[in-house]
Protein backbone atom coordinates (compact mmCIF):
# COMPACT_ATOMS: atom_id res chain seq x y z
CA MET A 1 11.77 6.93 -26.57
CA ALA A 2 9.02 9.43 -27.29
CA ARG A 3 7.32 9.20 -30.68
CA LYS A 4 6.76 12.91 -30.99
CA GLY A 5 8.58 14.24 -34.03
CA ILE A 6 8.99 17.87 -33.01
CA TYR A 7 10.53 18.86 -29.70
CA PRO A 8 10.83 22.16 -27.85
CA ASP A 9 14.23 23.86 -27.78
CA SER A 10 14.84 22.57 -24.25
CA VAL A 11 14.93 18.96 -25.52
CA LYS A 12 17.93 17.46 -27.35
CA PRO A 13 16.80 14.12 -28.85
CA GLY A 14 19.92 13.15 -30.84
CA ILE A 15 22.23 10.18 -30.42
CA PRO A 16 25.03 10.96 -27.91
CA LYS A 17 28.47 10.83 -29.52
CA LEU A 18 31.75 11.44 -27.74
CA GLY A 19 34.42 13.29 -29.66
CA GLN A 20 38.15 12.79 -29.39
CA LYS A 21 39.40 12.21 -25.86
CA PRO A 22 41.56 15.07 -24.55
CA GLU A 23 45.10 14.09 -23.61
CA GLY A 24 45.39 13.00 -19.99
CA TRP A 25 41.63 12.59 -19.48
CA SER A 26 40.06 9.27 -18.46
CA GLU A 27 37.18 7.46 -20.10
CA VAL A 28 34.61 6.44 -17.50
CA CYS A 29 30.88 5.80 -17.23
CA PHE A 30 28.56 8.02 -15.21
CA GLY A 31 27.99 5.05 -12.93
CA ASP A 32 31.72 4.80 -12.21
CA VAL A 33 31.88 8.25 -10.64
CA LEU A 34 28.35 8.89 -9.36
CA GLN A 35 26.01 7.10 -6.98
CA ILE A 36 22.38 7.46 -5.97
CA VAL A 37 21.75 8.61 -2.40
CA ASN A 38 18.50 7.87 -0.55
CA ARG A 39 17.90 9.49 2.86
CA LYS A 40 14.31 8.52 3.58
CA ALA A 41 12.31 10.94 5.70
CA GLU A 42 9.69 9.85 8.25
CA LEU A 43 7.17 12.68 8.03
CA GLU A 44 5.66 14.13 11.20
CA ASP A 45 2.20 15.64 10.76
CA ASP A 46 2.86 18.94 12.59
CA PHE A 47 6.48 19.47 11.52
CA GLU A 48 7.24 21.95 8.73
CA TYR A 49 9.31 20.83 5.76
CA GLN A 50 10.96 22.82 3.00
CA LEU A 51 10.22 21.46 -0.49
CA VAL A 52 12.30 22.26 -3.56
CA ASN A 53 12.10 22.31 -7.33
CA ALA A 54 14.71 21.82 -10.07
CA LYS A 55 14.16 24.42 -12.77
CA ARG A 56 14.26 23.63 -16.48
CA ASN A 57 17.18 24.63 -18.72
CA ARG A 58 19.69 23.92 -15.95
CA GLY A 59 18.21 26.72 -13.85
CA GLY A 60 19.30 25.14 -10.59
CA VAL A 61 17.57 23.98 -7.43
CA VAL A 62 15.19 26.51 -5.85
CA ALA A 63 12.81 26.61 -2.89
CA ARG A 64 9.16 25.68 -3.24
CA GLU A 65 6.60 25.95 -0.48
CA ILE A 66 7.00 24.98 3.17
CA LEU A 67 4.38 22.43 4.27
CA THR A 68 3.60 20.47 7.38
CA GLY A 69 3.91 16.72 7.07
CA ASN A 70 0.15 16.15 7.01
CA LYS A 71 -0.19 18.42 3.96
CA ILE A 72 2.47 16.69 1.88
CA LEU A 73 0.48 14.42 -0.43
CA THR A 74 3.37 12.24 -1.60
CA LYS A 75 4.48 10.50 1.58
CA THR A 76 7.65 8.98 0.11
CA GLN A 77 10.11 11.82 0.69
CA PHE A 78 13.89 12.05 0.97
CA TYR A 79 16.23 14.53 2.63
CA ILE A 80 18.75 16.34 0.46
CA LYS A 81 22.01 17.93 1.55
CA GLU A 82 24.12 20.83 0.37
CA GLY A 83 26.19 19.72 -2.61
CA ASP A 84 23.87 16.91 -3.74
CA PHE A 85 23.05 16.86 -7.44
CA LEU A 86 19.34 16.59 -8.23
CA ILE A 87 17.75 15.25 -11.40
CA ALA A 88 14.00 15.72 -11.90
CA ASN A 89 13.01 12.38 -13.40
CA ARG A 90 10.09 13.76 -15.44
CA GLN A 91 11.77 17.02 -16.44
CA ILE A 92 15.44 16.18 -17.02
CA ILE A 93 14.96 16.03 -20.79
CA HIS A 94 14.17 19.75 -20.42
CA GLY A 95 17.32 20.27 -18.33
CA ALA A 96 15.73 20.24 -14.87
CA CYS A 97 18.68 19.54 -12.59
CA GLY A 98 21.20 21.26 -10.36
CA VAL A 99 23.38 21.29 -7.25
CA VAL A 100 21.66 21.79 -3.89
CA PRO A 101 22.72 25.18 -2.43
CA LYS A 102 23.60 25.72 1.23
CA GLU A 103 20.28 27.38 2.08
CA LEU A 104 18.32 24.26 0.99
CA ASP A 105 20.33 21.77 3.03
CA GLY A 106 17.85 19.48 4.79
CA ALA A 107 14.97 20.10 2.38
CA LEU A 108 12.82 17.31 0.94
CA VAL A 109 12.25 15.80 -2.49
CA SER A 110 9.91 13.01 -3.54
CA ASN A 111 10.81 9.87 -5.46
CA GLU A 112 10.22 11.93 -8.60
CA TYR A 113 13.86 13.00 -8.16
CA THR A 114 17.16 11.18 -8.45
CA VAL A 115 19.65 12.38 -5.84
CA LEU A 116 23.29 11.92 -6.86
CA HIS A 117 26.56 12.21 -5.02
CA SER A 118 30.15 11.86 -6.15
CA LYS A 119 31.55 8.37 -5.73
CA ASN A 120 35.01 8.62 -7.22
CA GLY A 121 36.76 11.19 -9.36
CA MET A 122 34.03 13.68 -10.33
CA LEU A 123 33.28 16.99 -8.65
CA LEU A 124 29.57 17.78 -8.70
CA ASP A 125 30.27 21.40 -9.66
CA PHE A 126 32.04 19.99 -12.72
CA LEU A 127 28.91 17.94 -13.47
CA LYS A 128 26.85 21.13 -13.09
CA TYR A 129 28.75 22.75 -15.95
CA PHE A 130 28.88 19.51 -17.93
CA THR A 131 25.06 19.48 -18.01
CA HIS A 132 25.21 22.36 -20.50
CA THR A 133 26.81 20.14 -23.14
CA ILE A 134 24.66 18.68 -25.91
CA TYR A 135 26.15 15.27 -25.12
CA PHE A 136 24.82 15.31 -21.55
CA GLN A 137 21.38 16.45 -22.68
CA GLN A 138 21.22 13.72 -25.31
CA THR A 139 22.22 11.02 -22.80
CA CYS A 140 19.35 12.14 -20.56
CA PHE A 141 16.91 11.99 -23.46
CA GLN A 142 18.07 8.55 -24.55
CA SER A 143 17.83 7.32 -20.94
CA SER A 144 14.19 8.41 -20.62
CA VAL A 145 11.16 6.38 -21.69
CA GLY A 146 7.61 7.39 -22.59
CA VAL A 147 5.24 7.94 -25.49
CA ASP A 148 4.99 11.72 -25.10
CA VAL A 149 7.68 14.33 -24.54
CA GLU A 150 5.97 15.61 -21.37
CA LYS A 151 5.56 12.14 -19.89
CA MET A 152 9.03 10.68 -20.33
CA ILE A 153 10.66 9.26 -17.19
CA PHE A 154 14.41 9.21 -16.56
CA LYS A 155 16.01 5.79 -15.95
CA SER A 156 19.24 6.22 -14.02
CA ARG A 157 20.42 2.63 -14.62
CA GLU A 158 20.49 3.26 -18.36
CA TRP A 159 22.09 6.69 -17.94
CA PHE A 160 24.85 5.28 -15.71
CA LYS A 161 26.06 3.19 -18.69
CA TYR A 162 26.98 6.21 -20.83
CA LYS A 163 30.67 7.04 -21.10
CA ILE A 164 32.29 10.43 -20.56
CA TYR A 165 35.77 11.88 -20.67
CA LEU A 166 36.89 13.14 -17.29
CA PRO A 167 39.98 15.18 -16.30
CA HIS A 168 41.81 14.78 -13.00
CA ILE A 169 40.35 16.54 -9.95
CA ALA A 170 42.93 19.34 -10.11
CA GLU A 171 41.99 20.12 -13.72
CA GLN A 172 38.28 19.90 -12.88
CA LYS A 173 38.84 22.55 -10.21
CA LYS A 174 40.57 24.84 -12.72
CA ILE A 175 37.72 24.41 -15.23
CA ILE A 176 35.15 25.13 -12.51
CA GLN A 177 37.05 28.25 -11.44
CA ILE A 178 37.26 29.62 -14.99
CA LEU A 179 33.61 28.94 -15.77
CA SER A 180 32.55 30.40 -12.41
CA ILE A 181 34.37 33.63 -13.25
CA TRP A 182 32.57 33.76 -16.59
CA ASP A 183 29.24 33.15 -14.86
CA LYS A 184 29.86 36.09 -12.52
CA ALA A 185 30.89 38.31 -15.42
CA ILE A 186 27.78 37.40 -17.41
CA ASP A 187 25.57 37.96 -14.36
CA LEU A 188 27.14 41.38 -13.76
CA THR A 189 26.72 42.34 -17.42
CA GLU A 190 23.05 41.33 -17.36
CA LYS A 191 22.48 43.39 -14.22
CA LEU A 192 24.17 46.42 -15.80
CA ILE A 193 21.99 46.08 -18.91
CA LEU A 194 18.83 45.87 -16.79
CA ALA A 195 19.94 48.89 -14.76
CA LYS A 196 20.50 50.91 -17.95
CA ILE A 197 17.08 49.88 -19.29
CA LYS A 198 15.40 50.99 -16.04
CA LEU A 199 17.35 54.28 -16.10
CA LYS A 200 16.33 54.92 -19.70
CA LYS A 201 12.68 54.24 -18.90
CA GLY A 202 12.91 56.58 -15.94
CA LEU A 203 14.39 59.38 -18.07
CA MET A 204 11.74 58.89 -20.74
């Protein structure tokens, strides 16, 4: 654990504590429902590869630069697929994670990332929303080691031991649907606010 006493807002250093289990939900460990996927890439010097980045504060997985194999300095690279869940090992305490979108299927990540896939009973879109909970953020912090907040490294084996409460797949789908609707509504509201601000500036 880091020794630093004061953390940025993106870091939640507390002790993870589960509340009361909702009726009908199961108690499982992350390792029971998730598995690490490694699809090693053999880089070709003249072939172009799309690289990606997981943004902090659960900002999702986004495109980085496109490089030929001979310009990629870290030669240990892995293919990712649409629907994979990425964790940035050195940035997860800041919330750097997300689901791989369709347009980044086939991109590359280095061994600085943990690539997860569902093993049994958890939808990765459910995990995407679960990452916003304080509990998830604290489990990531407690599963990371290092002497400085910017140098802590995520240890998946430790994280896999943490327990969570998980609803059945059908209920997960309902939760995802509801939260997705809220996301769209929030996004639309933000766009309307920005449009009004631009209009006001234009009138002034």
